């Protein structure tokens, strides 16, 4: 269901409905939702991969991040650099965040690999619940090596 159709369907029917987390690459649709009824609803950008594009094309005001636990400082840096007019720095940080996302994508995504990254940073969140398969010790070593190769433990969040 397109989110513009969703907004039309809920408009006036759910008294405390405030907005949506928009997790889709379609920035045209994001902007259409933002423009709906002169911006009546809050729209939060939900894809770390396209944060800079959302800022530039749609004047994104906020977001809900999948990688903020371990890369939030990088995402905040994207926003700050963009707002300061330093597009080169914003692109550099966006590309770096995508480098981290490329690592987690190779290991079953953020729910699985992200949890293991937190362990590597010093915060063990335990094993995964069904249906998610746990990262093996070998995979953990590979993740760590890939993160070290992009200097993650110096550039990512600090606990």
N, C-alpha and C. Protein backbone atom coordinates (compact mmCIF):
# COMPACT_ATOMS: atom_id res chain seq x y z
N UNK A 1 0.85 -1.18 0.00
CA UNK A 1 0.00 0.00 0.00
C UNK A 1 0.89 1.24 0.00
N UNK A 2 0.75 2.10 -0.98
CA UNK A 2 1.51 3.35 -0.95
C UNK A 2 1.17 4.16 0.31
N UNK A 3 2.18 4.77 0.88
CA UNK A 3 1.97 5.50 2.13
C UNK A 3 1.07 6.72 1.96
N UNK A 4 1.02 7.29 0.77
CA UNK A 4 0.08 8.39 0.54
C UNK A 4 -1.35 7.88 0.68
N UNK A 5 -1.62 6.69 0.16
CA UNK A 5 -2.95 6.08 0.32
C UNK A 5 -3.22 5.78 1.79
N UNK A 6 -2.19 5.32 2.50
CA UNK A 6 -2.35 5.03 3.92
C UNK A 6 -2.71 6.30 4.69
N UNK A 7 -2.00 7.40 4.41
CA UNK A 7 -2.31 8.66 5.10
C UNK A 7 -3.75 9.09 4.84
N UNK A 8 -4.20 8.94 3.60
CA UNK A 8 -5.59 9.29 3.27
C UNK A 8 -6.56 8.40 4.04
N UNK A 9 -6.20 7.13 4.19
CA UNK A 9 -7.09 6.18 4.87
C UNK A 9 -7.20 6.46 6.37
N UNK A 10 -6.12 6.88 7.00
CA UNK A 10 -6.16 7.10 8.45
C UNK A 10 -6.53 8.53 8.82
N UNK A 11 -6.42 9.44 7.88
CA UNK A 11 -6.65 10.86 8.17
C UNK A 11 -8.05 11.07 8.76
N UNK A 12 -8.06 11.56 9.98
CA UNK A 12 -9.32 11.83 10.66
C UNK A 12 -9.97 10.63 11.32
N UNK A 13 -9.42 9.44 11.08
CA UNK A 13 -10.01 8.22 11.65
C UNK A 13 -9.29 7.75 12.91
N UNK A 14 -8.04 8.12 13.06
CA UNK A 14 -7.26 7.75 14.24
C UNK A 14 -6.84 9.06 14.91
N UNK A 15 -7.51 9.44 15.97
CA UNK A 15 -7.30 10.77 16.55
C UNK A 15 -5.86 11.06 16.98
N UNK A 16 -5.13 10.07 17.44
CA UNK A 16 -3.77 10.32 17.93
C UNK A 16 -2.70 9.91 16.92
N UNK A 17 -3.08 9.68 15.67
CA UNK A 17 -2.11 9.32 14.64
C UNK A 17 -1.24 10.54 14.34
N UNK A 18 0.08 10.38 14.48
CA UNK A 18 0.99 11.53 14.34
C UNK A 18 1.83 11.49 13.08
N UNK A 19 2.11 10.30 12.54
CA UNK A 19 2.95 10.22 11.36
C UNK A 19 3.47 8.83 11.13
N UNK A 20 4.47 8.73 10.24
CA UNK A 20 4.99 7.42 9.86
C UNK A 20 6.52 7.44 9.80
N UNK A 21 7.09 6.25 10.00
CA UNK A 21 8.49 6.01 9.68
C UNK A 21 8.47 5.50 8.25
N UNK A 22 9.10 6.23 7.36
CA UNK A 22 9.08 5.89 5.94
C UNK A 22 10.36 5.14 5.60
N UNK A 23 10.23 3.83 5.43
CA UNK A 23 11.38 2.97 5.16
C UNK A 23 11.27 2.44 3.74
N UNK A 24 11.62 3.29 2.79
CA UNK A 24 11.55 2.94 1.38
C UNK A 24 12.48 3.88 0.63
N UNK A 25 13.02 3.41 -0.49
CA UNK A 25 13.93 4.23 -1.29
C UNK A 25 13.20 5.29 -2.10
N UNK A 26 11.88 5.22 -2.19
CA UNK A 26 11.10 6.09 -3.06
C UNK A 26 10.93 7.48 -2.43
N UNK A 27 11.87 8.35 -2.72
CA UNK A 27 11.84 9.69 -2.13
C UNK A 27 10.73 10.55 -2.73
N UNK A 28 10.27 10.22 -3.92
CA UNK A 28 9.10 10.90 -4.48
C UNK A 28 7.90 10.67 -3.57
N UNK A 29 7.67 9.42 -3.22
CA UNK A 29 6.54 9.11 -2.34
C UNK A 29 6.73 9.73 -0.95
N UNK A 30 7.96 9.70 -0.45
CA UNK A 30 8.23 10.35 0.83
C UNK A 30 7.80 11.81 0.78
N UNK A 31 8.21 12.50 -0.28
CA UNK A 31 7.88 13.91 -0.40
C UNK A 31 6.38 14.13 -0.55
N UNK A 32 5.71 13.24 -1.28
CA UNK A 32 4.25 13.37 -1.41
C UNK A 32 3.58 13.23 -0.05
N UNK A 33 4.07 12.32 0.76
CA UNK A 33 3.54 12.17 2.13
C UNK A 33 3.82 13.42 2.95
N UNK A 34 5.01 13.96 2.78
CA UNK A 34 5.37 15.17 3.52
C UNK A 34 4.47 16.34 3.14
N UNK A 35 4.09 16.41 1.88
CA UNK A 35 3.25 17.50 1.39
C UNK A 35 1.77 17.29 1.69
N UNK A 36 1.38 16.07 2.03
CA UNK A 36 -0.03 15.76 2.26
C UNK A 36 -0.61 16.70 3.32
N UNK A 37 -1.66 17.35 2.98
CA UNK A 37 -2.36 18.29 3.87
C UNK A 37 -1.39 19.29 4.51
N UNK A 38 -0.52 19.82 3.64
CA UNK A 38 0.44 20.85 4.08
C UNK A 38 1.32 20.40 5.24
N UNK A 39 1.75 19.15 5.20
CA UNK A 39 2.67 18.65 6.22
C UNK A 39 2.03 18.32 7.54
N UNK A 40 0.78 17.91 7.49
CA UNK A 40 0.03 17.60 8.72
C UNK A 40 0.71 16.53 9.57
N UNK A 41 1.32 15.54 8.91
CA UNK A 41 1.88 14.40 9.63
C UNK A 41 3.41 14.44 9.66
N UNK A 42 3.96 13.93 10.76
CA UNK A 42 5.41 13.80 10.88
C UNK A 42 5.86 12.65 9.99
N UNK A 43 6.94 12.88 9.27
CA UNK A 43 7.53 11.86 8.41
C UNK A 43 8.96 11.66 8.86
N UNK A 44 9.29 10.47 9.29
CA UNK A 44 10.65 10.15 9.72
C UNK A 44 11.29 9.25 8.69
N UNK A 45 12.48 9.62 8.28
CA UNK A 45 13.22 8.85 7.29
C UNK A 45 13.71 7.57 7.96
N UNK A 46 13.55 6.44 7.29
CA UNK A 46 13.87 5.16 7.91
C UNK A 46 14.95 4.35 7.23
N UNK A 47 15.69 4.93 6.31
CA UNK A 47 16.75 4.18 5.63
C UNK A 47 18.09 4.89 5.80
N UNK A 48 18.95 4.32 6.61
CA UNK A 48 20.27 4.90 6.81
C UNK A 48 21.02 5.02 5.48
N UNK A 49 20.76 4.07 4.59
CA UNK A 49 21.46 4.01 3.31
C UNK A 49 21.23 5.26 2.46
N UNK A 50 20.11 5.94 2.65
CA UNK A 50 19.75 7.09 1.80
C UNK A 50 19.50 8.36 2.61
N UNK A 51 20.07 8.45 3.78
CA UNK A 51 19.84 9.62 4.63
C UNK A 51 20.20 10.92 3.91
N UNK A 52 21.37 10.98 3.30
CA UNK A 52 21.80 12.21 2.64
C UNK A 52 20.86 12.56 1.49
N UNK A 53 20.45 11.58 0.72
CA UNK A 53 19.51 11.84 -0.37
C UNK A 53 18.19 12.39 0.18
N UNK A 54 17.74 11.84 1.30
CA UNK A 54 16.52 12.33 1.93
C UNK A 54 16.67 13.76 2.41
N UNK A 55 17.83 14.09 2.96
CA UNK A 55 18.08 15.46 3.41
C UNK A 55 18.05 16.43 2.22
N UNK A 56 18.74 16.04 1.15
CA UNK A 56 18.86 16.93 -0.01
C UNK A 56 17.56 17.06 -0.79
N UNK A 57 16.88 15.94 -1.01
CA UNK A 57 15.69 15.97 -1.87
C UNK A 57 14.42 16.35 -1.13
N UNK A 58 14.32 15.98 0.13
CA UNK A 58 13.04 16.11 0.84
C UNK A 58 13.13 16.89 2.14
N UNK A 59 14.27 17.45 2.45
CA UNK A 59 14.43 18.20 3.69
C UNK A 59 13.97 17.37 4.89
N UNK A 60 14.46 16.13 4.94
CA UNK A 60 14.14 15.22 6.04
C UNK A 60 14.41 15.92 7.37
N UNK A 61 13.48 15.81 8.29
CA UNK A 61 13.61 16.47 9.60
C UNK A 61 14.11 15.53 10.69
N UNK A 62 13.96 14.24 10.49
CA UNK A 62 14.39 13.28 11.49
C UNK A 62 14.38 11.89 10.91
N UNK A 63 14.83 10.95 11.71
CA UNK A 63 14.87 9.59 11.22
C UNK A 63 14.82 8.58 12.34
N UNK A 64 14.59 7.36 11.95
CA UNK A 64 14.65 6.21 12.84
C UNK A 64 15.67 5.29 12.21
N UNK A 65 16.76 5.06 12.89
CA UNK A 65 17.92 4.40 12.31
C UNK A 65 18.05 2.95 12.75
N UNK A 66 18.51 2.13 11.83
CA UNK A 66 18.82 0.75 12.16
C UNK A 66 20.25 0.58 12.65
N UNK A 67 21.12 1.53 12.31
CA UNK A 67 22.53 1.39 12.66
C UNK A 67 22.98 2.38 13.73
N UNK A 68 22.06 3.12 14.32
CA UNK A 68 22.42 4.18 15.28
C UNK A 68 23.14 3.64 16.51
N UNK A 69 22.83 2.41 16.93
CA UNK A 69 23.49 1.87 18.12
C UNK A 69 25.00 1.84 17.97
N UNK A 70 25.47 1.62 16.77
CA UNK A 70 26.91 1.54 16.57
C UNK A 70 27.45 2.53 15.55
N UNK A 71 26.58 3.27 14.87
CA UNK A 71 27.03 4.25 13.87
C UNK A 71 26.27 5.57 13.97
N UNK A 72 25.63 5.81 15.07
CA UNK A 72 24.83 7.03 15.22
C UNK A 72 25.65 8.29 15.06
N UNK A 73 26.89 8.27 15.56
CA UNK A 73 27.74 9.45 15.42
C UNK A 73 28.00 9.78 13.96
N UNK A 74 28.09 8.76 13.12
CA UNK A 74 28.31 8.96 11.69
C UNK A 74 27.06 9.58 11.06
N UNK A 75 25.89 9.06 11.41
CA UNK A 75 24.65 9.59 10.85
C UNK A 75 24.40 11.02 11.31
N UNK A 76 24.66 11.31 12.57
CA UNK A 76 24.54 12.70 13.05
C UNK A 76 25.52 13.58 12.28
N UNK A 77 26.70 13.05 12.00
CA UNK A 77 27.68 13.80 11.21
C UNK A 77 27.20 14.11 9.81
N UNK A 78 26.48 13.16 9.19
CA UNK A 78 25.90 13.41 7.86
C UNK A 78 24.96 14.60 7.94
N UNK A 79 24.08 14.58 8.92
CA UNK A 79 23.09 15.66 9.08
C UNK A 79 23.79 16.99 9.35
N UNK A 80 24.72 16.99 10.28
CA UNK A 80 25.41 18.24 10.65
C UNK A 80 26.20 18.81 9.47
N UNK A 81 26.91 17.95 8.75
CA UNK A 81 27.68 18.42 7.60
C UNK A 81 26.76 18.97 6.51
N UNK A 82 25.67 18.27 6.25
CA UNK A 82 24.73 18.75 5.24
C UNK A 82 24.17 20.11 5.63
N UNK A 83 23.74 20.23 6.86
CA UNK A 83 23.14 21.50 7.32
C UNK A 83 24.16 22.64 7.35
N UNK A 84 25.44 22.30 7.51
CA UNK A 84 26.49 23.32 7.49
C UNK A 84 26.93 23.65 6.06
N UNK A 85 26.37 22.96 5.08
CA UNK A 85 26.72 23.21 3.69
C UNK A 85 27.95 22.48 3.22
N UNK A 86 28.46 21.54 4.00
CA UNK A 86 29.66 20.78 3.64
C UNK A 86 29.23 19.46 3.00
N UNK A 87 28.83 19.54 1.74
CA UNK A 87 28.31 18.37 1.04
C UNK A 87 29.38 17.30 0.88
N UNK A 88 30.62 17.70 0.67
CA UNK A 88 31.70 16.72 0.54
C UNK A 88 31.84 15.87 1.80
N UNK A 89 31.83 16.51 2.96
CA UNK A 89 31.92 15.78 4.24
C UNK A 89 30.68 14.91 4.44
N UNK A 90 29.50 15.44 4.12
CA UNK A 90 28.27 14.67 4.26
C UNK A 90 28.32 13.41 3.39
N UNK A 91 28.81 13.55 2.16
CA UNK A 91 28.93 12.38 1.27
C UNK A 91 29.93 11.37 1.82
N UNK A 92 31.04 11.87 2.31
CA UNK A 92 32.07 10.99 2.89
C UNK A 92 31.48 10.16 4.03
N UNK A 93 30.74 10.80 4.92
CA UNK A 93 30.15 10.09 6.05
C UNK A 93 29.03 9.15 5.61
N UNK A 94 28.22 9.58 4.63
CA UNK A 94 27.16 8.70 4.11
C UNK A 94 27.78 7.46 3.49
N UNK A 95 28.84 7.66 2.72
CA UNK A 95 29.52 6.52 2.09
C UNK A 95 30.12 5.59 3.14
N UNK A 96 30.65 6.17 4.21
CA UNK A 96 31.20 5.33 5.28
C UNK A 96 30.09 4.51 5.94
N UNK A 97 28.96 5.13 6.22
CA UNK A 97 27.85 4.39 6.81
C UNK A 97 27.43 3.25 5.88
N UNK A 98 27.45 3.49 4.58
CA UNK A 98 27.13 2.43 3.63
C UNK A 98 28.17 1.32 3.67
N UNK A 99 29.43 1.66 3.91
CA UNK A 99 30.47 0.63 4.07
C UNK A 99 30.13 -0.30 5.24
N UNK A 100 29.68 0.29 6.35
CA UNK A 100 29.29 -0.52 7.51
C UNK A 100 28.06 -1.36 7.16
N UNK A 101 27.10 -0.78 6.49
CA UNK A 101 25.89 -1.51 6.09
C UNK A 101 26.25 -2.66 5.17
N UNK A 102 27.23 -2.46 4.29
CA UNK A 102 27.66 -3.55 3.41
C UNK A 102 28.18 -4.74 4.21
N UNK A 103 28.86 -4.48 5.31
CA UNK A 103 29.34 -5.57 6.16
C UNK A 103 28.15 -6.30 6.78
N UNK A 104 27.23 -5.57 7.40
CA UNK A 104 26.11 -6.26 8.06
C UNK A 104 25.22 -6.98 7.06
N UNK A 105 25.14 -6.46 5.84
CA UNK A 105 24.31 -7.12 4.82
C UNK A 105 24.86 -8.49 4.45
N UNK A 106 26.17 -8.65 4.54
CA UNK A 106 26.78 -9.95 4.22
C UNK A 106 26.55 -10.99 5.32
N UNK A 107 26.09 -10.54 6.49
CA UNK A 107 25.92 -11.46 7.63
C UNK A 107 24.50 -11.39 8.18
N UNK A 108 23.54 -11.55 7.29
CA UNK A 108 22.12 -11.68 7.63
C UNK A 108 21.49 -10.40 8.18
N UNK A 109 22.08 -9.27 7.91
CA UNK A 109 21.43 -8.01 8.19
C UNK A 109 21.61 -7.47 9.60
N UNK A 110 20.92 -6.37 9.85
CA UNK A 110 21.12 -5.60 11.07
C UNK A 110 20.68 -6.34 12.33
N UNK A 111 19.59 -7.08 12.26
CA UNK A 111 19.11 -7.77 13.46
C UNK A 111 20.14 -8.79 13.94
N UNK A 112 20.74 -9.50 13.01
CA UNK A 112 21.70 -10.54 13.36
C UNK A 112 23.11 -9.96 13.52
N UNK A 113 23.62 -9.35 12.46
CA UNK A 113 24.99 -8.84 12.50
C UNK A 113 25.12 -7.61 13.41
N UNK A 114 24.10 -6.78 13.44
CA UNK A 114 24.14 -5.60 14.30
C UNK A 114 24.30 -5.96 15.77
N UNK A 115 23.61 -7.03 16.16
CA UNK A 115 23.72 -7.49 17.55
C UNK A 115 25.15 -7.95 17.84
N UNK A 116 25.77 -8.61 16.87
CA UNK A 116 27.14 -9.08 17.07
C UNK A 116 28.13 -7.91 17.07
N UNK A 117 27.85 -6.89 16.28
CA UNK A 117 28.70 -5.70 16.32
C UNK A 117 28.67 -5.09 17.71
N UNK A 118 27.50 -5.05 18.31
CA UNK A 118 27.40 -4.51 19.67
C UNK A 118 28.27 -5.32 20.64
N UNK A 119 28.29 -6.64 20.46
CA UNK A 119 29.14 -7.49 21.30
C UNK A 119 30.62 -7.15 21.08
N UNK A 120 30.99 -6.96 19.82
CA UNK A 120 32.38 -6.62 19.51
C UNK A 120 32.78 -5.27 20.11
N UNK A 121 31.80 -4.42 20.32
CA UNK A 121 32.05 -3.10 20.93
C UNK A 121 32.05 -3.16 22.45
N UNK A 122 31.66 -4.32 23.02
CA UNK A 122 31.70 -4.47 24.47
C UNK A 122 30.36 -4.60 25.15
N UNK A 123 29.27 -4.66 24.38
CA UNK A 123 27.94 -4.80 24.96
C UNK A 123 27.30 -6.06 24.40
N UNK A 124 27.40 -7.16 25.13
CA UNK A 124 26.86 -8.44 24.69
C UNK A 124 25.35 -8.47 24.95
N UNK A 125 24.58 -8.51 23.89
CA UNK A 125 23.12 -8.51 23.98
C UNK A 125 22.53 -9.91 23.94
N UNK A 126 23.38 -10.92 24.00
CA UNK A 126 22.90 -12.29 24.01
C UNK A 126 22.63 -12.83 22.61
N UNK A 127 22.09 -14.03 22.59
CA UNK A 127 21.80 -14.69 21.32
C UNK A 127 20.53 -14.18 20.67
N UNK A 128 20.34 -14.60 19.44
CA UNK A 128 19.15 -14.22 18.70
C UNK A 128 17.98 -15.13 19.04
N UNK A 129 16.81 -14.57 18.92
CA UNK A 129 15.59 -15.37 19.09
C UNK A 129 15.22 -15.99 17.75
N UNK A 130 14.46 -17.06 17.81
CA UNK A 130 13.94 -17.69 16.60
C UNK A 130 13.12 -16.66 15.84
N UNK A 131 13.21 -16.63 14.57
CA UNK A 131 13.84 -17.55 13.62
C UNK A 131 15.26 -17.16 13.21
N UNK A 132 15.85 -16.20 13.88
CA UNK A 132 17.16 -15.71 13.46
C UNK A 132 18.28 -16.62 13.96
N UNK A 133 19.13 -17.01 13.03
CA UNK A 133 20.26 -17.86 13.34
C UNK A 133 21.38 -17.02 13.92
N UNK A 134 22.04 -17.53 14.93
CA UNK A 134 23.15 -16.81 15.55
C UNK A 134 24.38 -16.78 14.65
N UNK A 135 25.18 -15.76 14.82
CA UNK A 135 26.46 -15.65 14.14
C UNK A 135 27.41 -16.68 14.75
N UNK A 136 28.12 -17.39 13.90
CA UNK A 136 29.11 -18.36 14.40
C UNK A 136 30.38 -17.62 14.81
N UNK A 137 31.25 -18.32 15.54
CA UNK A 137 32.53 -17.72 15.94
C UNK A 137 33.35 -17.34 14.71
N UNK A 138 33.29 -18.18 13.68
CA UNK A 138 34.02 -17.88 12.44
C UNK A 138 33.46 -16.62 11.77
N UNK A 139 32.14 -16.52 11.72
CA UNK A 139 31.52 -15.32 11.13
C UNK A 139 31.86 -14.07 11.95
N UNK A 140 31.87 -14.23 13.28
CA UNK A 140 32.23 -13.09 14.13
C UNK A 140 33.64 -12.61 13.81
N UNK A 141 34.56 -13.53 13.63
CA UNK A 141 35.94 -13.16 13.29
C UNK A 141 35.99 -12.45 11.94
N UNK A 142 35.17 -12.91 10.99
CA UNK A 142 35.12 -12.27 9.67
C UNK A 142 34.53 -10.87 9.77
N UNK A 143 33.46 -10.73 10.54
CA UNK A 143 32.84 -9.41 10.73
C UNK A 143 33.86 -8.46 11.35
N UNK A 144 34.53 -8.92 12.39
CA UNK A 144 35.53 -8.08 13.07
C UNK A 144 36.62 -7.64 12.10
N UNK A 145 37.11 -8.58 11.29
CA UNK A 145 38.17 -8.25 10.33
C UNK A 145 37.67 -7.24 9.29
N UNK A 146 36.45 -7.41 8.82
CA UNK A 146 35.90 -6.48 7.84
C UNK A 146 35.68 -5.10 8.45
N UNK A 147 35.25 -5.06 9.69
CA UNK A 147 35.07 -3.77 10.36
C UNK A 147 36.41 -3.09 10.63
N UNK A 148 37.40 -3.88 11.02
CA UNK A 148 38.74 -3.32 11.24
C UNK A 148 39.30 -2.74 9.93
N UNK A 149 39.00 -3.40 8.82
CA UNK A 149 39.49 -2.95 7.51
C UNK A 149 38.94 -1.57 7.13
N UNK A 150 37.78 -1.20 7.68
CA UNK A 150 37.21 0.13 7.40
C UNK A 150 37.35 1.06 8.61
N UNK A 151 38.20 0.68 9.55
CA UNK A 151 38.50 1.48 10.74
C UNK A 151 37.26 1.77 11.59
N UNK A 152 36.36 0.81 11.61
CA UNK A 152 35.10 0.99 12.34
C UNK A 152 35.29 1.26 13.82
N UNK A 153 36.20 0.56 14.45
CA UNK A 153 36.34 0.67 15.91
C UNK A 153 36.91 2.03 16.34
N UNK A 154 37.39 2.81 15.39
CA UNK A 154 37.78 4.19 15.66
C UNK A 154 36.73 5.19 15.18
N UNK A 155 35.98 4.82 14.15
CA UNK A 155 35.02 5.76 13.55
C UNK A 155 33.59 5.60 14.07
N UNK A 156 33.23 4.41 14.54
CA UNK A 156 31.87 4.17 15.01
C UNK A 156 31.65 4.72 16.40
N UNK A 157 30.46 4.49 16.92
CA UNK A 157 30.12 4.93 18.29
C UNK A 157 31.09 4.32 19.30
N UNK A 158 31.24 5.00 20.40
CA UNK A 158 32.03 4.48 21.52
C UNK A 158 31.07 4.18 22.67
N UNK A 159 31.30 3.07 23.36
CA UNK A 159 30.45 2.73 24.51
C UNK A 159 31.03 3.34 25.77
